[in-house]
């Protein structure tokens, strides 16, 4: 079953023209996003299941409780993966799927879920957990006449009212 699952993952990544590396049953690929420019996902074929793992954001600088609560509330609506926090407080998406459930459709759906959840959550995570840093960066750029284009997603709460 492990070989079949690896073959399916390889097939889906190849057919979708997603560049990947493969080592010891682990497939690692970068999924392109809009808000989060890329999300690195690893699918590891184990003896019983395929583990899905993706880094989303480093530990929040502030407002930890609100960030983690928001992530837990999101978990209630998610498919295949859930937000998790490691021992450093960094935010990941993780999931496990039994080997017998690994089909091309399921792998495609899992990759889509990882991309969707990482990408659509990224700005909210930044707003909740990094507002002070973002505001400082914005003010620094304004004071020096630098472009603030990469901060456009936060303009609604950055600009003085």
Protein backbone atom coordinates (compact mmCIF):
# COMPACT_ATOMS: atom_id res chain seq x y z
CA UNK A 1 0.00 0.00 0.00
CA UNK A 2 2.87 2.40 0.73
CA UNK A 3 4.22 2.08 -2.80
CA UNK A 4 0.76 2.65 -4.29
CA UNK A 5 0.23 5.77 -2.14
CA UNK A 6 3.63 7.15 -3.16
CA UNK A 7 2.79 6.50 -6.81
CA UNK A 8 -0.51 8.38 -6.48
CA UNK A 9 1.15 11.39 -4.81
CA UNK A 10 3.88 11.46 -7.45
CA UNK A 11 1.26 11.26 -10.21
CA UNK A 12 -0.86 14.13 -8.82
CA UNK A 13 2.13 16.41 -8.31
CA UNK A 14 3.45 15.66 -11.80
CA UNK A 15 0.07 16.04 -13.54
CA UNK A 16 -0.49 19.39 -11.81
CA UNK A 17 3.00 20.52 -12.82
CA UNK A 18 4.01 21.10 -9.22
CA UNK A 19 7.76 20.85 -8.73
CA UNK A 20 8.63 18.57 -5.84
CA UNK A 21 11.41 16.69 -4.17
CA UNK A 22 11.10 13.12 -3.01
CA UNK A 23 13.21 11.49 -0.35
CA UNK A 24 12.54 8.41 1.78
CA UNK A 25 8.78 8.46 1.15
CA UNK A 26 8.42 12.20 1.76
CA UNK A 27 7.25 14.52 -1.02
CA UNK A 28 7.90 18.24 -0.52
CA UNK A 29 6.44 20.92 -2.77
CA UNK A 30 5.82 24.66 -2.76
CA UNK A 31 2.23 25.65 -3.44
CA UNK A 32 1.87 29.17 -4.87
CA UNK A 33 -0.55 31.50 -3.10
CA UNK A 34 -1.81 35.05 -3.25
CA UNK A 35 -1.61 36.38 0.31
CA UNK A 36 1.03 33.92 1.48
CA UNK A 37 3.27 33.79 -1.56
CA UNK A 38 4.10 30.13 -1.10
CA UNK A 39 3.25 27.34 1.28
CA UNK A 40 5.67 24.46 1.58
CA UNK A 41 3.83 21.19 2.10
CA UNK A 42 5.24 17.75 2.85
CA UNK A 43 3.33 14.53 2.31
CA UNK A 44 5.05 11.65 4.10
CA UNK A 45 4.01 8.09 3.33
CA UNK A 46 4.15 6.06 6.53
CA UNK A 47 3.27 2.44 7.31
CA UNK A 48 -0.41 3.21 8.06
CA UNK A 49 -1.10 6.73 6.77
CA UNK A 50 0.11 9.70 4.78
CA UNK A 51 1.01 12.62 7.00
CA UNK A 52 0.38 16.11 5.62
CA UNK A 53 2.43 18.95 7.10
CA UNK A 54 2.78 22.61 6.13
CA UNK A 55 4.35 25.60 7.87
CA UNK A 56 2.00 28.62 7.94
CA UNK A 57 3.55 31.31 10.18
CA UNK A 58 6.06 31.78 12.95
CA UNK A 59 4.88 32.26 16.52
CA UNK A 60 2.90 35.47 16.99
CA UNK A 61 4.71 38.43 18.52
CA UNK A 62 1.60 39.45 20.46
CA UNK A 63 -2.02 38.60 21.14
CA UNK A 64 -1.29 34.85 21.29
CA UNK A 65 -4.59 33.91 22.87
CA UNK A 66 -6.63 35.63 20.14
CA UNK A 67 -4.52 34.08 17.38
CA UNK A 68 -4.75 30.55 18.76
CA UNK A 69 -8.48 30.92 19.51
CA UNK A 70 -9.10 32.08 15.93
CA UNK A 71 -7.16 29.07 14.61
CA UNK A 72 -9.12 26.65 16.81
CA UNK A 73 -12.41 28.13 15.63
CA UNK A 74 -11.26 27.71 12.01
CA UNK A 75 -10.43 24.06 12.70
CA UNK A 76 -14.15 23.37 13.14
CA UNK A 77 -14.76 24.15 9.46
CA UNK A 78 -11.73 22.53 7.85
CA UNK A 79 -11.22 19.37 5.82
CA UNK A 80 -8.29 16.95 6.01
CA UNK A 81 -5.91 19.16 7.98
CA UNK A 82 -6.09 21.30 11.10
CA UNK A 83 -4.06 24.13 12.52
CA UNK A 84 -1.49 23.09 15.08
CA UNK A 85 1.11 24.87 17.16
CA UNK A 86 4.55 23.41 17.80
CA UNK A 87 6.70 23.77 20.95
CA UNK A 88 7.95 27.17 19.71
CA UNK A 89 4.43 28.46 19.06
CA UNK A 90 4.89 28.35 15.27
CA UNK A 91 1.70 27.69 13.32
CA UNK A 92 1.35 24.67 11.02
CA UNK A 93 -1.31 22.72 9.18
CA UNK A 94 -1.24 18.99 9.92
CA UNK A 95 -3.29 15.97 9.01
CA UNK A 96 -3.18 12.21 8.48
CA UNK A 97 -5.01 10.17 5.89
CA UNK A 98 -5.12 6.35 5.92
CA UNK A 99 -3.19 4.75 3.08
CA UNK A 100 -6.32 3.09 1.67
CA UNK A 101 -7.93 6.54 1.20
CA UNK A 102 -5.09 7.91 -0.94
CA UNK A 103 -6.52 8.45 -4.41
CA UNK A 104 -5.70 11.13 -6.98
CA UNK A 105 -8.88 12.99 -6.04
CA UNK A 106 -8.04 12.87 -2.33
CA UNK A 107 -4.44 14.04 -2.79
CA UNK A 108 -5.64 16.90 -4.99
CA UNK A 109 -8.25 17.82 -2.39
CA UNK A 110 -5.67 17.75 0.42
CA UNK A 111 -3.24 19.94 -1.50
CA UNK A 112 -6.08 22.34 -2.29
CA UNK A 113 -7.12 22.43 1.37
CA UNK A 114 -3.57 23.20 2.54
CA UNK A 115 -3.24 26.00 0.01
CA UNK A 116 -6.67 27.45 0.72
CA UNK A 117 -6.33 27.41 4.52
CA UNK A 118 -2.77 28.75 4.59
CA UNK A 119 -3.48 31.46 2.04
CA UNK A 120 -6.84 32.70 3.33
CA UNK A 121 -5.71 32.66 6.97
CA UNK A 122 -2.36 34.36 6.51
CA UNK A 123 -3.42 38.03 6.66
CA UNK A 124 -5.68 37.45 9.66
CA UNK A 125 -2.85 35.71 11.50
CA UNK A 126 -0.60 38.68 10.72
CA UNK A 127 -3.23 41.23 11.78
CA UNK A 128 -3.91 39.46 15.07
CA UNK A 129 -0.38 38.42 15.98
CA UNK A 130 1.93 40.97 14.37
CA UNK A 131 0.00 44.27 14.32
CA UNK A 132 2.64 46.25 16.20
CA UNK A 133 5.43 45.08 13.89
CA UNK A 134 3.35 45.77 10.79
CA UNK A 135 2.43 49.24 12.05
CA UNK A 136 6.12 50.03 12.77
CA UNK A 137 7.12 48.84 9.30
CA UNK A 138 4.39 50.96 7.73
CA UNK A 139 5.39 54.09 9.67
CA UNK A 140 9.07 53.52 8.86
CA UNK A 141 8.28 53.23 5.15
CA UNK A 142 6.05 56.33 5.15
CA UNK A 143 8.69 58.39 7.01
CA UNK A 144 11.31 57.47 4.42
CA UNK A 145 9.11 57.73 1.35
CA UNK A 146 9.40 53.98 0.72
CA UNK A 147 6.75 51.93 -1.03
CA UNK A 148 4.06 50.44 1.19
CA UNK A 149 2.65 48.27 -1.60
CA UNK A 150 3.43 45.01 0.20
CA UNK A 151 1.34 46.26 3.15
CA UNK A 152 -1.74 47.14 1.06
CA UNK A 153 -3.72 44.27 2.56
CA UNK A 154 -3.56 46.05 5.93
CA UNK A 155 -4.33 49.60 4.77
CA UNK A 156 -7.76 49.60 6.38
CA UNK A 157 -6.30 49.61 9.88
CA UNK A 158 -2.85 51.07 9.21
CA UNK A 159 -3.80 54.44 7.80
CA UNK A 160 -4.90 57.12 10.26
CA UNK A 161 -8.62 57.82 10.19
